[in-house]
C-alpha atoms as a PDB file:
ATOM      1  CA  UNK A   1      25.670-274.157-154.409  1.00  0.00           C
ATOM      2  CA  UNK A   2      22.697-275.402-152.388  1.00  0.00           C
ATOM      3  CA  UNK A   3      22.780-276.553-148.775  1.00  0.00           C
ATOM      4  CA  UNK A   4      19.829-278.062-146.906  1.00  0.00           C
ATOM      5  CA  UNK A   5      19.769-276.908-143.312  1.00  0.00           C
ATOM      6  CA  UNK A   6      16.606-278.873-142.606  1.00  0.00           C
ATOM      7  CA  UNK A   7      14.043-280.761-144.637  1.00  0.00           C
ATOM      8  CA  UNK A   8      12.212-277.507-145.361  1.00  0.00           C
ATOM      9  CA  UNK A   9      15.031-274.962-145.259  1.00  0.00           C
ATOM     10  CA  UNK A  10      17.571-274.595-148.080  1.00  0.00           C
ATOM     11  CA  UNK A  11      20.356-272.077-148.530  1.00  0.00           C
ATOM     12  CA  UNK A  12      21.452-270.961-152.011  1.00  0.00           C
ATOM     13  CA  UNK A  13      24.687-269.203-152.990  1.00  0.00           C
ATOM     14  CA  UNK A  14      26.347-268.500-156.315  1.00  0.00           C
ATOM     15  CA  UNK A  15      28.723-266.224-158.164  1.00  0.00           C
ATOM     16  CA  UNK A  16      30.301-265.647-161.544  1.00  0.00           C
ATOM     17  CA  UNK A  17      32.786-263.395-163.328  1.00  0.00           C
ATOM     18  CA  UNK A  18      32.362-262.619-167.034  1.00  0.00           C
ATOM     19  CA  UNK A  19      34.990-260.894-169.162  1.00  0.00           C
ATOM     20  CA  UNK A  20      33.938-258.035-171.461  1.00  0.00           C
ATOM     21  CA  UNK A  21      36.086-258.023-174.596  1.00  0.00           C
ATOM     22  CA  UNK A  22      36.538-254.715-176.488  1.00  0.00           C
ATOM     23  CA  UNK A  23      34.428-254.286-179.599  1.00  0.00           C
ATOM     24  CA  UNK A  24      36.239-252.985-182.699  1.00  0.00           C
ATOM     25  CA  UNK A  25      33.559-250.402-183.587  1.00  0.00           C
ATOM     26  CA  UNK A  26      31.978-249.563-180.250  1.00  0.00           C
ATOM     27  CA  UNK A  27      35.261-248.956-178.422  1.00  0.00           C
ATOM     28  CA  UNK A  28      37.836-248.312-181.153  1.00  0.00           C
ATOM     29  CA  UNK A  29      37.798-244.605-181.970  1.00  0.00           C
ATOM     30  CA  UNK A  30      40.918-244.781-184.131  1.00  0.00           C
ATOM     31  CA  UNK A  31      39.182-246.344-187.139  1.00  0.00           C
ATOM     32  CA  UNK A  32      36.579-243.578-187.255  1.00  0.00           C
ATOM     33  CA  UNK A  33      38.683-240.545-186.402  1.00  0.00           C
ATOM     34  CA  UNK A  34      41.145-238.148-187.943  1.00  0.00           C
ATOM     35  CA  UNK A  35      43.035-238.506-190.239  1.00  0.00           C
ATOM     36  CA  UNK A  36      40.747-241.217-191.653  1.00  0.00           C
ATOM     37  CA  UNK A  37      37.620-239.158-190.954  1.00  0.00           C
ATOM     38  CA  UNK A  38      37.504-235.408-190.354  1.00  0.00           C
ATOM     39  CA  UNK A  39      34.403-233.616-189.108  1.00  0.00           C
ATOM     40  CA  UNK A  40      34.831-229.816-188.966  1.00  0.00           C
ATOM     41  CA  UNK A  41      33.344-228.180-185.893  1.00  0.00           C
ATOM     42  CA  UNK A  42      31.870-224.744-186.572  1.00  0.00           C
ATOM     43  CA  UNK A  43      30.973-222.760-183.436  1.00  0.00           C
ATOM     44  CA  UNK A  44      29.626-219.207-183.438  1.00  0.00           C
ATOM     45  CA  UNK A  45      31.508-216.773-181.194  1.00  0.00           C
ATOM     46  CA  UNK A  46      31.111-213.044-180.467  1.00  0.00           C
ATOM     47  CA  UNK A  47      32.278-211.284-183.623  1.00  0.00           C
ATOM     48  CA  UNK A  48      32.473-214.552-185.546  1.00  0.00           C
ATOM     49  CA  UNK A  49      28.952-215.474-186.722  1.00  0.00           C
ATOM     50  CA  UNK A  50      28.078-218.648-188.573  1.00  0.00           C
ATOM     51  CA  UNK A  51      26.292-217.834-191.824  1.00  0.00           C
ATOM     52  CA  UNK A  52      23.402-220.056-192.873  1.00  0.00           C
ATOM     53  CA  UNK A  53      22.656-220.853-196.512  1.00  0.00           C
ATOM     54  CA  UNK A  54      19.819-222.576-198.309  1.00  0.00           C
ATOM     55  CA  UNK A  55      22.146-224.705-200.387  1.00  0.00           C
ATOM     56  CA  UNK A  56      24.804-227.267-199.599  1.00  0.00           C
ATOM     57  CA  UNK A  57      28.281-225.765-199.542  1.00  0.00           C
ATOM     58  CA  UNK A  58      30.862-228.392-200.538  1.00  0.00           C
ATOM     59  CA  UNK A  59      34.101-228.410-198.595  1.00  0.00           C
ATOM     60  CA  UNK A  60      37.357-229.674-200.019  1.00  0.00           C
ATOM     61  CA  UNK A  61      39.746-230.602-197.252  1.00  0.00           C
ATOM     62  CA  UNK A  62      43.480-229.998-197.643  1.00  0.00           C
ATOM     63  CA  UNK A  63      45.774-233.030-197.952  1.00  0.00           C
ATOM     64  CA  UNK A  64      47.365-234.490-194.843  1.00  0.00           C
ATOM     65  CA  UNK A  65      51.164-234.506-194.595  1.00  0.00           C
ATOM     66  CA  UNK A  66      53.629-236.290-192.364  1.00  0.00           C
ATOM     67  CA  UNK A  67      56.154-234.403-190.256  1.00  0.00           C
ATOM     68  CA  UNK A  68      58.688-235.164-193.012  1.00  0.00           C
ATOM     69  CA  UNK A  69      56.657-233.179-195.568  1.00  0.00           C
ATOM     70  CA  UNK A  70      55.363-236.156-197.549  1.00  0.00           C
ATOM     71  CA  UNK A  71      51.725-237.052-198.184  1.00  0.00           C
ATOM     72  CA  UNK A  72      50.280-239.297-195.496  1.00  0.00           C
ATOM     73  CA  UNK A  73      48.134-241.121-198.068  1.00  0.00           C
ATOM     74  CA  UNK A  74      50.156-240.946-201.285  1.00  0.00           C
ATOM     75  CA  UNK A  75      48.214-243.819-202.863  1.00  0.00           C
ATOM     76  CA  UNK A  76      44.849-242.672-201.536  1.00  0.00           C
ATOM     77  CA  UNK A  77      44.585-245.734-199.277  1.00  0.00           C
ATOM     78  CA  UNK A  78      45.234-245.891-195.560  1.00  0.00           C
ATOM     79  CA  UNK A  79      46.291-249.549-195.783  1.00  0.00           C
ATOM     80  CA  UNK A  80      49.696-248.540-197.158  1.00  0.00           C
ATOM     81  CA  UNK A  81      50.586-246.210-194.265  1.00  0.00           C
ATOM     82  CA  UNK A  82      53.118-247.678-191.797  1.00  0.00           C
ATOM     83  CA  UNK A  83      51.965-247.950-188.207  1.00  0.00           C
ATOM     84  CA  UNK A  84      52.638-244.998-185.879  1.00  0.00           C
ATOM     85  CA  UNK A  85      53.418-242.588-188.720  1.00  0.00           C
ATOM     86  CA  UNK A  86      53.471-239.041-187.256  1.00  0.00           C
ATOM     87  CA  UNK A  87      51.403-236.427-189.064  1.00  0.00           C
ATOM     88  CA  UNK A  88      51.890-232.671-189.275  1.00  0.00           C
ATOM     89  CA  UNK A  89      48.825-231.429-187.380  1.00  0.00           C
ATOM     90  CA  UNK A  90      49.925-227.794-187.450  1.00  0.00           C
ATOM     91  CA  UNK A  91      50.276-227.791-191.232  1.00  0.00           C
ATOM     92  CA  UNK A  92      46.823-229.286-191.670  1.00  0.00           C
ATOM     93  CA  UNK A  93      45.373-226.659-189.337  1.00  0.00           C
ATOM     94  CA  UNK A  94      47.073-223.850-191.250  1.00  0.00           C
ATOM     95  CA  UNK A  95      45.853-225.223-194.597  1.00  0.00           C
ATOM     96  CA  UNK A  96      42.352-225.625-193.203  1.00  0.00           C
ATOM     97  CA  UNK A  97      42.352-222.037-191.919  1.00  0.00           C
ATOM     98  CA  UNK A  98      43.361-220.824-195.382  1.00  0.00           C
ATOM     99  CA  UNK A  99      40.126-222.288-196.769  1.00  0.00           C
ATOM    100  CA  UNK A 100      37.861-220.522-194.269  1.00  0.00           C
ATOM    101  CA  UNK A 101      36.599-216.918-194.531  1.00  0.00           C
ATOM    102  CA  UNK A 102      39.066-214.575-192.867  1.00  0.00           C
ATOM    103  CA  UNK A 103      41.619-217.369-192.565  1.00  0.00           C
ATOM    104  CA  UNK A 104      40.268-218.161-189.120  1.00  0.00           C
ATOM    105  CA  UNK A 105      41.941-221.005-187.255  1.00  0.00           C
ATOM    106  CA  UNK A 106      39.437-223.779-186.679  1.00  0.00           C
ATOM    107  CA  UNK A 107      39.065-225.883-183.564  1.00  0.00           C
ATOM    108  CA  UNK A 108      40.723-229.214-184.126  1.00  0.00           C
ATOM    109  CA  UNK A 109      38.588-232.023-182.704  1.00  0.00           C
ATOM    110  CA  UNK A 110      40.684-235.017-181.678  1.00  0.00           C
ATOM    111  CA  UNK A 111      39.470-238.539-181.037  1.00  0.00           C
ATOM    112  CA  UNK A 112      41.647-241.205-179.457  1.00  0.00           C
ATOM    113  CA  UNK A 113      41.795-244.308-177.297  1.00  0.00           C
ATOM    114  CA  UNK A 114      43.098-244.303-173.747  1.00  0.00           C
ATOM    115  CA  UNK A 115      46.461-246.171-173.692  1.00  0.00           C
ATOM    116  CA  UNK A 116      45.272-247.839-170.483  1.00  0.00           C
ATOM    117  CA  UNK A 117      42.186-249.337-172.182  1.00  0.00           C
ATOM    118  CA  UNK A 118      41.628-252.804-170.770  1.00  0.00           C
ATOM    119  CA  UNK A 119      39.083-255.581-170.726  1.00  0.00           C
ATOM    120  CA  UNK A 120      36.195-255.010-168.386  1.00  0.00           C
ATOM    121  CA  UNK A 121      34.357-257.624-166.407  1.00  0.00           C
ATOM    122  CA  UNK A 122      30.988-258.263-164.809  1.00  0.00           C
ATOM    123  CA  UNK A 123      30.778-259.857-161.374  1.00  0.00           C
ATOM    124  CA  UNK A 124      27.508-261.389-160.184  1.00  0.00           C
ATOM    125  CA  UNK A 125      26.638-262.986-156.862  1.00  0.00           C
ATOM    126  CA  UNK A 126      23.548-264.224-155.101  1.00  0.00           C
ATOM    127  CA  UNK A 127      22.651-265.478-151.655  1.00  0.00           C
ATOM    128  CA  UNK A 128      19.204-266.714-150.717  1.00  0.00           C
ATOM    129  CA  UNK A 129      17.069-268.948-148.546  1.00  0.00           C
ATOM    130  CA  UNK A 130      13.959-271.060-149.200  1.00  0.00           C
ATOM    131  CA  UNK A 131      11.640-271.912-146.334  1.00  0.00           C
ATOM    132  CA  UNK A 132       8.669-274.203-146.532  1.00  0.00           C
ATOM    133  CA  UNK A 133       5.779-274.039-144.080  1.00  0.00           C
ATOM    134  CA  UNK A 134       3.155-276.618-144.917  1.00  0.00           C
ATOM    135  CA  UNK A 135       2.149-276.092-148.524  1.00  0.00           C
ATOM    136  CA  UNK A 136       3.500-272.515-148.530  1.00  0.00           C
ATOM    137  CA  UNK A 137       7.024-271.746-149.696  1.00  0.00           C
ATOM    138  CA  UNK A 138       8.844-268.518-148.853  1.00  0.00           C
ATOM    139  CA  UNK A 139      11.943-267.375-150.740  1.00  0.00           C
ATOM    140  CA  UNK A 140      14.281-264.429-150.223  1.00  0.00           C
ATOM    141  CA  UNK A 141      17.452-263.722-152.199  1.00  0.00           C
ATOM    142  CA  UNK A 142      20.039-261.022-152.590  1.00  0.00           C
ATOM    143  CA  UNK A 143      21.239-260.511-156.170  1.00  0.00           C
ATOM    144  CA  UNK A 144      24.171-258.248-156.970  1.00  0.00           C
ATOM    145  CA  UNK A 145      25.858-257.294-160.231  1.00  0.00           C
ATOM    146  CA  UNK A 146      28.863-255.038-160.644  1.00  0.00           C
ATOM    147  CA  UNK A 147      30.451-253.822-163.883  1.00  0.00           C
ATOM    148  CA  UNK A 148      34.123-252.875-163.600  1.00  0.00           C
ATOM    149  CA  UNK A 149      36.219-251.085-166.258  1.00  0.00           C
ATOM    150  CA  UNK A 150      33.201-250.352-168.417  1.00  0.00           C
ATOM    151  CA  UNK A 151      33.507-248.264-171.570  1.00  0.00           C
ATOM    152  CA  UNK A 152      33.096-244.518-171.127  1.00  0.00           C
ATOM    153  CA  UNK A 153      33.852-241.448-173.234  1.00  0.00           C
ATOM    154  CA  UNK A 154      36.084-238.836-171.596  1.00  0.00           C
ATOM    155  CA  UNK A 155      36.443-235.181-172.641  1.00  0.00           C
ATOM    156  CA  UNK A 156      39.804-234.073-171.193  1.00  0.00           C
ATOM    157  CA  UNK A 157      39.767-230.804-173.146  1.00  0.00           C
ATOM    158  CA  UNK A 158      36.282-229.632-172.271  1.00  0.00           C
ATOM    159  CA  UNK A 159      33.353-229.376-174.656  1.00  0.00           C
ATOM    160  CA  UNK A 160      32.892-227.487-177.914  1.00  0.00           C
ATOM    161  CA  UNK A 161      32.991-223.721-177.447  1.00  0.00           C
ATOM    162  CA  UNK A 162      34.972-223.804-174.207  1.00  0.00           C
ATOM    163  CA  UNK A 163      37.316-220.890-173.509  1.00  0.00           C
ATOM    164  CA  UNK A 164      41.088-221.425-173.116  1.00  0.00           C
ATOM    165  CA  UNK A 165      40.809-221.642-169.318  1.00  0.00           C
ATOM    166  CA  UNK A 166      38.704-224.764-169.722  1.00  0.00           C
ATOM    167  CA  UNK A 167      40.782-226.234-172.549  1.00  0.00           C
ATOM    168  CA  UNK A 168      43.726-227.817-170.768  1.00  0.00           C
ATOM    169  CA  UNK A 169      45.192-229.351-173.938  1.00  0.00           C
ATOM    170  CA  UNK A 170      45.906-226.686-176.572  1.00  0.00           C
ATOM    171  CA  UNK A 171      49.358-227.550-177.846  1.00  0.00           C
ATOM    172  CA  UNK A 172      48.593-226.011-181.229  1.00  0.00           C
ATOM    173  CA  UNK A 173      48.233-222.285-181.891  1.00  0.00           C
ATOM    174  CA  UNK A 174      45.535-220.490-179.887  1.00  0.00           C
ATOM    175  CA  UNK A 175      44.917-217.153-181.670  1.00  0.00           C
ATOM    176  CA  UNK A 176      41.696-216.167-179.908  1.00  0.00           C
ATOM    177  CA  UNK A 177      39.493-217.863-177.285  1.00  0.00           C
ATOM    178  CA  UNK A 178      38.699-221.237-178.806  1.00  0.00           C
ATOM    179  CA  UNK A 179      39.737-220.238-182.328  1.00  0.00           C
ATOM    180  CA  UNK A 180      42.860-222.347-182.344  1.00  0.00           C
ATOM    181  CA  UNK A 181      44.503-225.291-180.654  1.00  0.00           C
ATOM    182  CA  UNK A 182      42.748-228.529-179.983  1.00  0.00           C
ATOM    183  CA  UNK A 183      39.000-228.383-179.639  1.00  0.00           C
ATOM    184  CA  UNK A 184      36.826-230.969-177.908  1.00  0.00           C
ATOM    185  CA  UNK A 185      38.507-234.319-177.422  1.00  0.00           C
ATOM    186  CA  UNK A 186      36.782-237.661-177.112  1.00  0.00           C
ATOM    187  CA  UNK A 187      38.822-240.383-175.477  1.00  0.00           C
ATOM    188  CA  UNK A 188      37.483-243.908-175.238  1.00  0.00           C
ATOM    189  CA  UNK A 189      38.321-245.186-171.777  1.00  0.00           C
ATOM    190  CA  UNK A 190      37.356-248.100-169.552  1.00  0.00           C
ATOM    191  CA  UNK A 191      37.170-246.290-166.242  1.00  0.00           C
ATOM    192  CA  UNK A 192      33.422-246.395-165.646  1.00  0.00           C
ATOM    193  CA  UNK A 193      31.707-248.412-162.950  1.00  0.00           C
ATOM    194  CA  UNK A 194      28.178-249.693-162.552  1.00  0.00           C
ATOM    195  CA  UNK A 195      26.447-251.648-159.802  1.00  0.00           C
ATOM    196  CA  UNK A 196      23.080-253.299-159.234  1.00  0.00           C
ATOM    197  CA  UNK A 197      21.735-254.594-155.926  1.00  0.00           C
ATOM    198  CA  UNK A 198      18.379-256.272-155.407  1.00  0.00           C
ATOM    199  CA  UNK A 199      16.378-258.053-152.738  1.00  0.00           C
ATOM    200  CA  UNK A 200      14.011-260.540-154.337  1.00  0.00           C
ATOM    201  CA  UNK A 201      11.226-262.095-152.270  1.00  0.00           C
ATOM    202  CA  UNK A 202       8.401-264.421-153.167  1.00  0.00           C
ATOM    203  CA  UNK A 203       5.746-266.602-151.565  1.00  0.00           C
ATOM    204  CA  UNK A 204       3.856-269.397-153.293  1.00  0.00           C
ATOM    205  CA  UNK A 205       1.442-272.177-152.477  1.00  0.00           C
ATOM    206  CA  UNK A 206       0.480-275.215-154.482  1.00  0.00           C
ATOM    207  CA  UNK A 207      -2.363-277.496-153.405  1.00  0.00           C
ATOM    208  CA  UNK A 208      -2.507-280.338-155.968  1.00  0.00           C
ATOM    209  CA  UNK A 209      -5.625-282.070-154.607  1.00  0.00           C
ATOM    210  CA  UNK A 210      -7.604-278.824-154.774  1.00  0.00           C
ATOM    211  CA  UNK A 211      -6.120-277.556-158.019  1.00  0.00           C
ATOM    212  CA  UNK A 212      -5.459-274.134-156.528  1.00  0.00           C
ATOM    213  CA  UNK A 213      -2.150-272.280-156.419  1.00  0.00           C
ATOM    214  CA  UNK A 214      -0.901-268.739-156.004  1.00  0.00           C
ATOM    215  CA  UNK A 215       2.352-266.862-156.189  1.00  0.00           C
ATOM    216  CA  UNK A 216       3.358-263.343-155.219  1.00  0.00           C
ATOM    217  CA  UNK A 217       6.746-261.676-155.529  1.00  0.00           C
ATOM    218  CA  UNK A 218       8.379-258.359-154.736  1.00  0.00           C
ATOM    219  CA  UNK A 219      11.788-256.982-155.755  1.00  0.00           C
ATOM    220  CA  UNK A 220      13.525-253.955-154.292  1.00  0.00           C
ATOM    221  CA  UNK A 221      16.543-252.906-156.334  1.00  0.00           C
ATOM    222  CA  UNK A 222      18.879-250.038-157.019  1.00  0.00           C
ATOM    223  CA  UNK A 223      21.223-249.442-159.956  1.00  0.00           C
ATOM    224  CA  UNK A 224      24.030-246.869-159.809  1.00  0.00           C
ATOM    225  CA  UNK A 225      26.146-245.814-162.771  1.00  0.00           C
ATOM    226  CA  UNK A 226      28.811-243.206-163.523  1.00  0.00           C
ATOM    227  CA  UNK A 227      28.687-242.380-167.244  1.00  0.00           C
ATOM    228  CA  UNK A 228      29.396-245.808-168.701  1.00  0.00           C
ATOM    229  CA  UNK A 229      28.395-245.699-172.371  1.00  0.00           C
ATOM    230  CA  UNK A 230      29.352-246.797-175.857  1.00  0.00           C
ATOM    231  CA  UNK A 231      28.739-244.686-178.972  1.00  0.00           C
ATOM    232  CA  UNK A 232      26.764-247.239-180.956  1.00  0.00           C
ATOM    233  CA  UNK A 233      23.608-245.930-182.575  1.00  0.00           C
ATOM    234  CA  UNK A 234      25.266-242.788-183.933  1.00  0.00           C
ATOM    235  CA  UNK A 235      24.503-242.018-187.598  1.00  0.00           C
ATOM    236  CA  UNK A 236      21.933-244.775-187.781  1.00  0.00           C
ATOM    237  CA  UNK A 237      24.283-247.551-186.699  1.00  0.00           C
ATOM    238  CA  UNK A 238      22.879-250.306-184.502  1.00  0.00           C
ATOM    239  CA  UNK A 239      23.842-250.454-180.856  1.00  0.00           C
ATOM    240  CA  UNK A 240      23.405-248.660-177.579  1.00  0.00           C
ATOM    241  CA  UNK A 241      22.617-244.933-177.721  1.00  0.00           C
ATOM    242  CA  UNK A 242      25.333-242.764-176.212  1.00  0.00           C
ATOM    243  CA  UNK A 243      24.261-241.314-172.892  1.00  0.00           C
ATOM    244  CA  UNK A 244      24.572-237.634-172.062  1.00  0.00           C
ATOM    245  CA  UNK A 245      28.188-236.665-171.280  1.00  0.00           C
ATOM    246  CA  UNK A 246      28.928-235.738-167.656  1.00  0.00           C
ATOM    247  CA  UNK A 247      28.216-232.197-166.514  1.00  0.00           C
ATOM    248  CA  UNK A 248      31.853-231.753-165.485  1.00  0.00           C
ATOM    249  CA  UNK A 249      34.115-233.283-168.174  1.00  0.00           C
ATOM    250  CA  UNK A 250      37.064-233.179-165.772  1.00  0.00           C
ATOM    251  CA  UNK A 251      35.239-235.142-163.060  1.00  0.00           C
ATOM    252  CA  UNK A 252      32.863-237.658-164.664  1.00  0.00           C
ATOM    253  CA  UNK A 253      32.532-239.712-161.472  1.00  0.00           C
ATOM    254  CA  UNK A 254      30.704-236.785-159.845  1.00  0.00           C
ATOM    255  CA  UNK A 255      27.695-237.817-161.965  1.00  0.00           C
ATOM    256  CA  UNK A 256      27.463-241.184-160.256  1.00  0.00           C
ATOM    257  CA  UNK A 257      23.812-241.913-159.671  1.00  0.00           C
ATOM    258  CA  UNK A 258      20.795-243.670-161.077  1.00  0.00           C
ATOM    259  CA  UNK A 259      21.395-244.518-164.771  1.00  0.00           C
ATOM    260  CA  UNK A 260      19.379-243.066-167.628  1.00  0.00           C
ATOM    261  CA  UNK A 261      16.446-245.290-168.535  1.00  0.00           C
ATOM    262  CA  UNK A 262      16.069-245.992-172.245  1.00  0.00           C
END
């Protein structure tokens, strides 16, 4: 919206709201997580070293069973599994431990989607003024952008290698510090927030009969973010590179500050 206060003074104002729809790959952890994909996490601990070898050691994972004792993928395809079929996590963990040296219980990394996942949105607004003085034109505008309910990865059970006191979710057996129970969890959420504020100024002059003109501009801006990120770019996939997780996995908003520049 433009409004002319005088012949040489014009006010400008505008705003918009844009919906951010979830992306199947960037924000859907279910399709790339257990039991469809299993990535063992091996962490060295005091008394439990990790042996290195110069050759690839193949690993045959145990089959996955339901809580009723039947195979979760009897046909070898996930398309035939009914929705919300419960699986026997404890049995898989026991079978996995039986394949490891010393029958050590392995950390079980879980990946999931926050049940409160929702569409995010971007709000933009601007307010400015143009002032003409002779052949010189001055402009000043405020431009603001805010991202609400942006995608972020939460770690409610701490990071890999955390001791039981920092692993709040260990419903499965915990034989020794971090040698049982759930390991690191990655939960796709939409609780992140990002904002951008800028003051844009410019001055220009155009003298047609002399063929001379000039323009100068200056922008002062600040962008603040609190761990919004999507995991695209992992394993060579296209997309945004995942930012560093927050220092405190139980309080990601404490990292709110200037975003990482890529």
